[in-house]
C-alpha atoms as a PDB file:
ATOM      1  CA  UNK A   1      76.576  97.548 126.807  1.00  0.00           C
ATOM      2  CA  UNK A   2      78.511  98.249 123.298  1.00  0.00           C
ATOM      3  CA  UNK A   3      82.050  97.038 123.596  1.00  0.00           C
ATOM      4  CA  UNK A   4      84.596  98.849 121.569  1.00  0.00           C
ATOM      5  CA  UNK A   5      88.206 100.325 122.044  1.00  0.00           C
ATOM      6  CA  UNK A   6      88.031 103.869 120.664  1.00  0.00           C
ATOM      7  CA  UNK A   7      90.339 106.677 121.597  1.00  0.00           C
ATOM      8  CA  UNK A   8      89.002 110.286 121.116  1.00  0.00           C
ATOM      9  CA  UNK A   9      88.228 113.302 123.245  1.00  0.00           C
ATOM     10  CA  UNK A  10      84.879 114.157 124.635  1.00  0.00           C
ATOM     11  CA  UNK A  11      83.652 117.427 122.510  1.00  0.00           C
ATOM     12  CA  UNK A  12      80.567 119.645 123.478  1.00  0.00           C
ATOM     13  CA  UNK A  13      78.475 117.536 125.261  1.00  0.00           C
ATOM     14  CA  UNK A  14      75.577 118.670 127.305  1.00  0.00           C
ATOM     15  CA  UNK A  15      74.537 115.861 129.595  1.00  0.00           C
ATOM     16  CA  UNK A  16      70.927 115.753 131.245  1.00  0.00           C
ATOM     17  CA  UNK A  17      67.402 115.013 130.631  1.00  0.00           C
ATOM     18  CA  UNK A  18      66.432 115.553 126.911  1.00  0.00           C
ATOM     19  CA  UNK A  19      63.057 115.371 125.542  1.00  0.00           C
ATOM     20  CA  UNK A  20      63.741 115.918 121.920  1.00  0.00           C
ATOM     21  CA  UNK A  21      65.516 113.670 119.519  1.00  0.00           C
ATOM     22  CA  UNK A  22      69.424 113.499 119.680  1.00  0.00           C
ATOM     23  CA  UNK A  23      72.165 112.200 117.535  1.00  0.00           C
ATOM     24  CA  UNK A  24      74.896 110.583 119.355  1.00  0.00           C
ATOM     25  CA  UNK A  25      78.086 110.194 117.044  1.00  0.00           C
ATOM     26  CA  UNK A  26      80.670 107.779 117.848  1.00  0.00           C
ATOM     27  CA  UNK A  27      84.110 107.972 117.583  1.00  0.00           C
ATOM     28  CA  UNK A  28      84.099 105.339 115.144  1.00  0.00           C
ATOM     29  CA  UNK A  29      81.814 107.454 112.814  1.00  0.00           C
ATOM     30  CA  UNK A  30      78.709 105.572 113.292  1.00  0.00           C
ATOM     31  CA  UNK A  31      75.475 107.709 114.652  1.00  0.00           C
ATOM     32  CA  UNK A  32      72.728 106.764 117.042  1.00  0.00           C
ATOM     33  CA  UNK A  33      69.356 108.558 117.091  1.00  0.00           C
ATOM     34  CA  UNK A  34      67.875 108.676 120.562  1.00  0.00           C
ATOM     35  CA  UNK A  35      64.743 109.923 121.890  1.00  0.00           C
ATOM     36  CA  UNK A  36      66.236 110.931 125.350  1.00  0.00           C
ATOM     37  CA  UNK A  37      69.771 110.139 127.100  1.00  0.00           C
ATOM     38  CA  UNK A  38      71.116 110.395 130.754  1.00  0.00           C
ATOM     39  CA  UNK A  39      74.447 110.542 132.354  1.00  0.00           C
ATOM     40  CA  UNK A  40      75.484 108.265 134.990  1.00  0.00           C
ATOM     41  CA  UNK A  41      79.147 108.168 136.089  1.00  0.00           C
ATOM     42  CA  UNK A  42      81.547 107.807 133.000  1.00  0.00           C
ATOM     43  CA  UNK A  43      78.444 106.074 131.142  1.00  0.00           C
ATOM     44  CA  UNK A  44      75.804 107.680 128.698  1.00  0.00           C
ATOM     45  CA  UNK A  45      72.601 105.711 129.087  1.00  0.00           C
ATOM     46  CA  UNK A  46      69.188 105.560 126.620  1.00  0.00           C
ATOM     47  CA  UNK A  47      66.816 103.349 126.216  1.00  0.00           C
ATOM     48  CA  UNK A  48      66.651 100.881 123.040  1.00  0.00           C
ATOM     49  CA  UNK A  49      66.240  97.281 122.081  1.00  0.00           C
ATOM     50  CA  UNK A  50      63.669  96.833 124.733  1.00  0.00           C
ATOM     51  CA  UNK A  51      65.862  97.598 127.465  1.00  0.00           C
ATOM     52  CA  UNK A  52      68.509 100.216 128.461  1.00  0.00           C
ATOM     53  CA  UNK A  53      72.009 100.689 126.630  1.00  0.00           C
ATOM     54  CA  UNK A  54      74.965 102.264 128.101  1.00  0.00           C
ATOM     55  CA  UNK A  55      77.897 103.404 126.181  1.00  0.00           C
ATOM     56  CA  UNK A  56      80.985 104.674 127.845  1.00  0.00           C
ATOM     57  CA  UNK A  57      81.921 108.573 127.261  1.00  0.00           C
ATOM     58  CA  UNK A  58      84.952 107.570 126.019  1.00  0.00           C
ATOM     59  CA  UNK A  59      83.419 106.343 123.125  1.00  0.00           C
ATOM     60  CA  UNK A  60      81.443 109.169 121.917  1.00  0.00           C
ATOM     61  CA  UNK A  61      82.429 112.078 119.592  1.00  0.00           C
ATOM     62  CA  UNK A  62      79.774 114.476 120.306  1.00  0.00           C
ATOM     63  CA  UNK A  63      75.913 114.495 121.219  1.00  0.00           C
ATOM     64  CA  UNK A  64      73.668 117.258 119.041  1.00  0.00           C
ATOM     65  CA  UNK A  65      69.935 117.927 118.708  1.00  0.00           C
ATOM     66  CA  UNK A  66      68.483 116.077 115.764  1.00  0.00           C
ATOM     67  CA  UNK A  67      67.771 118.425 112.613  1.00  0.00           C
ATOM     68  CA  UNK A  68      64.452 118.298 111.086  1.00  0.00           C
ATOM     69  CA  UNK A  69      65.781 116.857 108.052  1.00  0.00           C
ATOM     70  CA  UNK A  70      69.270 115.150 108.268  1.00  0.00           C
ATOM     71  CA  UNK A  71      71.541 116.059 105.225  1.00  0.00           C
ATOM     72  CA  UNK A  72      71.844 113.379 102.598  1.00  0.00           C
ATOM     73  CA  UNK A  73      75.142 112.490 103.056  1.00  0.00           C
ATOM     74  CA  UNK A  74      75.112 111.777 107.192  1.00  0.00           C
ATOM     75  CA  UNK A  75      74.838 108.323 108.343  1.00  0.00           C
ATOM     76  CA  UNK A  76      72.418 107.667 111.175  1.00  0.00           C
ATOM     77  CA  UNK A  77      71.625 104.618 112.984  1.00  0.00           C
ATOM     78  CA  UNK A  78      68.262 103.782 115.189  1.00  0.00           C
ATOM     79  CA  UNK A  79      68.455 101.561 117.614  1.00  0.00           C
ATOM     80  CA  UNK A  80      66.777  98.629 116.032  1.00  0.00           C
ATOM     81  CA  UNK A  81      70.027  98.674 113.848  1.00  0.00           C
ATOM     82  CA  UNK A  82      72.058  96.477 115.879  1.00  0.00           C
ATOM     83  CA  UNK A  83      75.651  95.579 115.451  1.00  0.00           C
ATOM     84  CA  UNK A  84      75.805  92.913 112.748  1.00  0.00           C
ATOM     85  CA  UNK A  85      72.532  93.895 111.434  1.00  0.00           C
ATOM     86  CA  UNK A  86      73.885  97.109 109.486  1.00  0.00           C
ATOM     87  CA  UNK A  87      74.395  97.044 105.544  1.00  0.00           C
ATOM     88  CA  UNK A  88      77.969  97.151 104.734  1.00  0.00           C
ATOM     89  CA  UNK A  89      79.530 100.272 104.058  1.00  0.00           C
ATOM     90  CA  UNK A  90      80.182 101.148 100.354  1.00  0.00           C
ATOM     91  CA  UNK A  91      83.442 100.882  99.198  1.00  0.00           C
ATOM     92  CA  UNK A  92      84.173 104.300  97.505  1.00  0.00           C
ATOM     93  CA  UNK A  93      84.983 103.740  94.061  1.00  0.00           C
ATOM     94  CA  UNK A  94      88.843 105.598  93.184  1.00  0.00           C
ATOM     95  CA  UNK A  95      88.640 107.910  90.814  1.00  0.00           C
ATOM     96  CA  UNK A  96      91.466 107.976  88.585  1.00  0.00           C
ATOM     97  CA  UNK A  97      93.163 111.756  88.481  1.00  0.00           C
ATOM     98  CA  UNK A  98      92.866 113.500  85.240  1.00  0.00           C
ATOM     99  CA  UNK A  99      95.638 113.201  82.809  1.00  0.00           C
ATOM    100  CA  UNK A 100      97.351 116.955  82.727  1.00  0.00           C
ATOM    101  CA  UNK A 101      99.831 117.309  80.181  1.00  0.00           C
ATOM    102  CA  UNK A 102     102.734 119.450  81.354  1.00  0.00           C
ATOM    103  CA  UNK A 103     102.789 122.578  79.277  1.00  0.00           C
ATOM    104  CA  UNK A 104     105.186 122.400  76.563  1.00  0.00           C
ATOM    105  CA  UNK A 105     108.597 123.963  77.599  1.00  0.00           C
ATOM    106  CA  UNK A 106     111.147 125.588  75.179  1.00  0.00           C
ATOM    107  CA  UNK A 107     114.548 125.066  76.111  1.00  0.00           C
ATOM    108  CA  UNK A 108     116.237 128.315  77.280  1.00  0.00           C
ATOM    109  CA  UNK A 109     118.718 127.890  74.300  1.00  0.00           C
ATOM    110  CA  UNK A 110     116.094 128.131  71.717  1.00  0.00           C
ATOM    111  CA  UNK A 111     114.409 131.199  73.482  1.00  0.00           C
ATOM    112  CA  UNK A 112     117.629 132.936  73.573  1.00  0.00           C
ATOM    113  CA  UNK A 113     118.451 131.834  69.740  1.00  0.00           C
ATOM    114  CA  UNK A 114     115.008 133.509  69.168  1.00  0.00           C
ATOM    115  CA  UNK A 115     115.538 136.482  71.056  1.00  0.00           C
ATOM    116  CA  UNK A 116     118.923 136.975  69.199  1.00  0.00           C
ATOM    117  CA  UNK A 117     117.598 136.190  65.840  1.00  0.00           C
ATOM    118  CA  UNK A 118     114.837 138.772  66.520  1.00  0.00           C
ATOM    119  CA  UNK A 119     117.322 141.523  67.808  1.00  0.00           C
ATOM    120  CA  UNK A 120     119.410 140.808  64.798  1.00  0.00           C
ATOM    121  CA  UNK A 121     116.638 141.449  62.269  1.00  0.00           C
ATOM    122  CA  UNK A 122     115.729 144.552  64.036  1.00  0.00           C
ATOM    123  CA  UNK A 123     118.973 146.127  63.559  1.00  0.00           C
ATOM    124  CA  UNK A 124     119.322 145.123  60.009  1.00  0.00           C
ATOM    125  CA  UNK A 125     115.772 146.534  59.312  1.00  0.00           C
ATOM    126  CA  UNK A 126     117.278 149.644  60.895  1.00  0.00           C
ATOM    127  CA  UNK A 127     120.525 150.066  59.158  1.00  0.00           C
ATOM    128  CA  UNK A 128     118.643 149.419  55.864  1.00  0.00           C
ATOM    129  CA  UNK A 129     116.468 152.209  56.486  1.00  0.00           C
ATOM    130  CA  UNK A 130     119.345 154.283  57.246  1.00  0.00           C
ATOM    131  CA  UNK A 131     120.967 153.431  54.602  1.00  0.00           C
ATOM    132  CA  UNK A 132     118.091 154.144  52.085  1.00  0.00           C
ATOM    133  CA  UNK A 133     117.800 157.476  53.365  1.00  0.00           C
ATOM    134  CA  UNK A 134     121.300 158.197  53.450  1.00  0.00           C
ATOM    135  CA  UNK A 135     121.361 157.182  49.660  1.00  0.00           C
ATOM    136  CA  UNK A 136     118.485 159.731  49.015  1.00  0.00           C
ATOM    137  CA  UNK A 137     119.796 162.475  50.631  1.00  0.00           C
ATOM    138  CA  UNK A 138     123.330 162.200  48.799  1.00  0.00           C
ATOM    139  CA  UNK A 139     121.754 161.749  45.539  1.00  0.00           C
ATOM    140  CA  UNK A 140     119.816 164.751  46.343  1.00  0.00           C
ATOM    141  CA  UNK A 141     122.822 166.863  47.273  1.00  0.00           C
ATOM    142  CA  UNK A 142     125.025 165.796  44.202  1.00  0.00           C
ATOM    143  CA  UNK A 143     121.931 166.791  41.734  1.00  0.00           C
ATOM    144  CA  UNK A 144     122.060 170.308  43.532  1.00  0.00           C
ATOM    145  CA  UNK A 145     125.647 171.149  43.447  1.00  0.00           C
ATOM    146  CA  UNK A 146     126.922 169.193  40.211  1.00  0.00           C
ATOM    147  CA  UNK A 147     123.881 168.262  38.245  1.00  0.00           C
ATOM    148  CA  UNK A 148     124.085 164.277  38.404  1.00  0.00           C
ATOM    149  CA  UNK A 149     123.232 161.551  40.885  1.00  0.00           C
ATOM    150  CA  UNK A 150     126.010 159.363  42.452  1.00  0.00           C
ATOM    151  CA  UNK A 151     129.464 159.511  43.885  1.00  0.00           C
ATOM    152  CA  UNK A 152     131.602 159.602  40.676  1.00  0.00           C
ATOM    153  CA  UNK A 153     132.764 163.129  40.096  1.00  0.00           C
ATOM    154  CA  UNK A 154     131.614 164.698  36.974  1.00  0.00           C
ATOM    155  CA  UNK A 155     132.691 167.726  34.712  1.00  0.00           C
ATOM    156  CA  UNK A 156     130.476 170.892  35.085  1.00  0.00           C
ATOM    157  CA  UNK A 157     129.301 171.341  31.604  1.00  0.00           C
ATOM    158  CA  UNK A 158     126.370 173.630  32.185  1.00  0.00           C
ATOM    159  CA  UNK A 159     125.481 176.925  33.786  1.00  0.00           C
ATOM    160  CA  UNK A 160     123.120 175.323  36.236  1.00  0.00           C
ATOM    161  CA  UNK A 161     126.132 172.635  37.539  1.00  0.00           C
ATOM    162  CA  UNK A 162     128.464 175.807  37.846  1.00  0.00           C
ATOM    163  CA  UNK A 163     125.898 177.705  39.729  1.00  0.00           C
ATOM    164  CA  UNK A 164     125.032 174.797  42.203  1.00  0.00           C
ATOM    165  CA  UNK A 165     128.926 174.343  42.810  1.00  0.00           C
ATOM    166  CA  UNK A 166     129.306 177.976  43.726  1.00  0.00           C
ATOM    167  CA  UNK A 167     126.241 178.055  46.031  1.00  0.00           C
ATOM    168  CA  UNK A 168     127.521 174.930  47.651  1.00  0.00           C
ATOM    169  CA  UNK A 169     130.864 176.741  48.481  1.00  0.00           C
ATOM    170  CA  UNK A 170     129.046 179.784  49.602  1.00  0.00           C
ATOM    171  CA  UNK A 171     126.860 177.458  51.855  1.00  0.00           C
ATOM    172  CA  UNK A 172     129.640 176.145  53.314  1.00  0.00           C
ATOM    173  CA  UNK A 173     131.268 179.390  54.256  1.00  0.00           C
ATOM    174  CA  UNK A 174     127.959 180.830  55.672  1.00  0.00           C
ATOM    175  CA  UNK A 175     128.208 177.699  57.869  1.00  0.00           C
ATOM    176  CA  UNK A 176     131.422 178.536  59.027  1.00  0.00           C
ATOM    177  CA  UNK A 177     131.018 182.258  59.680  1.00  0.00           C
ATOM    178  CA  UNK A 178     127.939 181.371  61.745  1.00  0.00           C
ATOM    179  CA  UNK A 179     129.607 178.423  63.833  1.00  0.00           C
ATOM    180  CA  UNK A 180     132.521 181.063  64.489  1.00  0.00           C
ATOM    181  CA  UNK A 181     129.917 183.388  66.268  1.00  0.00           C
ATOM    182  CA  UNK A 182     128.166 180.234  67.972  1.00  0.00           C
ATOM    183  CA  UNK A 183     125.103 180.991  65.781  1.00  0.00           C
ATOM    184  CA  UNK A 184     122.767 178.035  64.160  1.00  0.00           C
ATOM    185  CA  UNK A 185     123.138 177.402  60.674  1.00  0.00           C
ATOM    186  CA  UNK A 186     120.991 176.696  57.669  1.00  0.00           C
ATOM    187  CA  UNK A 187     117.205 177.039  58.291  1.00  0.00           C
ATOM    188  CA  UNK A 188     117.891 177.927  62.071  1.00  0.00           C
ATOM    189  CA  UNK A 189     119.959 180.929  61.344  1.00  0.00           C
ATOM    190  CA  UNK A 190     119.142 184.262  62.088  1.00  0.00           C
ATOM    191  CA  UNK A 191     121.057 187.868  62.321  1.00  0.00           C
ATOM    192  CA  UNK A 192     121.833 188.184  66.153  1.00  0.00           C
ATOM    193  CA  UNK A 193     120.134 191.814  67.482  1.00  0.00           C
ATOM    194  CA  UNK A 194     122.890 194.352  68.142  1.00  0.00           C
ATOM    195  CA  UNK A 195     125.463 192.801  66.118  1.00  0.00           C
ATOM    196  CA  UNK A 196     127.891 195.162  64.073  1.00  0.00           C
ATOM    197  CA  UNK A 197     129.762 191.891  62.719  1.00  0.00           C
ATOM    198  CA  UNK A 198     126.687 189.699  61.714  1.00  0.00           C
ATOM    199  CA  UNK A 199     127.652 187.123  59.031  1.00  0.00           C
ATOM    200  CA  UNK A 200     126.308 187.354  55.612  1.00  0.00           C
ATOM    201  CA  UNK A 201     122.525 186.001  55.165  1.00  0.00           C
ATOM    202  CA  UNK A 202     122.117 182.609  53.392  1.00  0.00           C
ATOM    203  CA  UNK A 203     120.156 182.625  50.143  1.00  0.00           C
ATOM    204  CA  UNK A 204     117.507 180.140  49.822  1.00  0.00           C
ATOM    205  CA  UNK A 205     119.684 177.578  47.972  1.00  0.00           C
ATOM    206  CA  UNK A 206     122.517 177.999  50.074  1.00  0.00           C
ATOM    207  CA  UNK A 207     120.121 177.354  53.263  1.00  0.00           C
ATOM    208  CA  UNK A 208     118.786 174.533  51.538  1.00  0.00           C
ATOM    209  CA  UNK A 209     122.380 172.833  50.902  1.00  0.00           C
ATOM    210  CA  UNK A 210     123.522 173.703  54.636  1.00  0.00           C
ATOM    211  CA  UNK A 211     120.273 171.756  55.913  1.00  0.00           C
ATOM    212  CA  UNK A 212     120.954 168.945  53.506  1.00  0.00           C
ATOM    213  CA  UNK A 213     124.449 168.661  54.891  1.00  0.00           C
ATOM    214  CA  UNK A 214     123.740 168.584  58.209  1.00  0.00           C
ATOM    215  CA  UNK A 215     120.889 166.066  57.814  1.00  0.00           C
ATOM    216  CA  UNK A 216     123.359 163.761  56.088  1.00  0.00           C
ATOM    217  CA  UNK A 217     126.014 164.145  58.761  1.00  0.00           C
ATOM    218  CA  UNK A 218     123.178 163.048  61.377  1.00  0.00           C
ATOM    219  CA  UNK A 219     122.106 160.135  59.192  1.00  0.00           C
ATOM    220  CA  UNK A 220     125.797 159.261  58.655  1.00  0.00           C
ATOM    221  CA  UNK A 221     126.283 159.345  62.587  1.00  0.00           C
ATOM    222  CA  UNK A 222     123.259 157.019  63.387  1.00  0.00           C
ATOM    223  CA  UNK A 223     124.086 154.515  60.682  1.00  0.00           C
ATOM    224  CA  UNK A 224     127.661 154.198  62.177  1.00  0.00           C
ATOM    225  CA  UNK A 225     126.347 153.855  65.734  1.00  0.00           C
ATOM    226  CA  UNK A 226     124.048 151.052  64.502  1.00  0.00           C
ATOM    227  CA  UNK A 227     126.868 149.341  62.910  1.00  0.00           C
ATOM    228  CA  UNK A 228     128.991 149.554  65.966  1.00  0.00           C
ATOM    229  CA  UNK A 229     126.539 147.956  67.901  1.00  0.00           C
ATOM    230  CA  UNK A 230     126.110 144.936  65.739  1.00  0.00           C
ATOM    231  CA  UNK A 231     129.841 144.504  65.540  1.00  0.00           C
ATOM    232  CA  UNK A 232     129.689 144.538  69.444  1.00  0.00           C
ATOM    233  CA  UNK A 233     127.076 141.883  69.577  1.00  0.00           C
ATOM    234  CA  UNK A 234     128.592 139.660  66.827  1.00  0.00           C
ATOM    235  CA  UNK A 235     125.693 140.104  64.301  1.00  0.00           C
ATOM    236  CA  UNK A 236     126.428 140.266  60.659  1.00  0.00           C
ATOM    237  CA  UNK A 237     127.100 143.581  59.251  1.00  0.00           C
ATOM    238  CA  UNK A 238     126.793 142.877  55.713  1.00  0.00           C
ATOM    239  CA  UNK A 239     127.910 145.264  52.873  1.00  0.00           C
ATOM    240  CA  UNK A 240     128.633 148.784  54.371  1.00  0.00           C
ATOM    241  CA  UNK A 241     129.112 150.286  50.675  1.00  0.00           C
ATOM    242  CA  UNK A 242     126.527 152.773  49.238  1.00  0.00           C
ATOM    243  CA  UNK A 243     125.852 152.651  45.667  1.00  0.00           C
END
């Protein structure tokens, strides 16, 4: 009789006379291959070593039919493998875990600084673009109404300059007349149907000047909005003057 103190539950065991090979799996992990076995009280008995061997059911994990070919990883012992004559269990070689470097982390302050710098750059680019548009529109308007570019006033010395100034005044008058009747101005202006007091129509040049003034006003408002947002967020605005 094999003597061992093992604590385990008896699993899936079908006892009786068996004709084929069986594998008796002990609770200590060892396996015994037997031709047959039988149950007798609390013992399992089978032939081996020239006699009969009995093992307590409490020491047995399970009994199963032997497969045609046991997997290479399973360890089976026949009854000729007596205690003390089995080769020593191989000691598994510990495998050092792979060294993994933690992902590089950027401090939150640096991330916030980068985001703020990117936002400031976007504001600056937008402000520069609007400033360039505004300067181009103002120069064009000045050339049409005074015959020269730039914000500085000049004397009207040519007939073209006088005509431009007159068209500008009439264009402004047409804008006021249309707005007084709730009508669109510039290129969007049209004579209302069934009106007995329709405002005078724009000439082509007057309409162009009206559109230029409306566009200049729109760009000025957009530019000022960007400046206000930059100041509210503490960004550097720089020079606000237009050459």
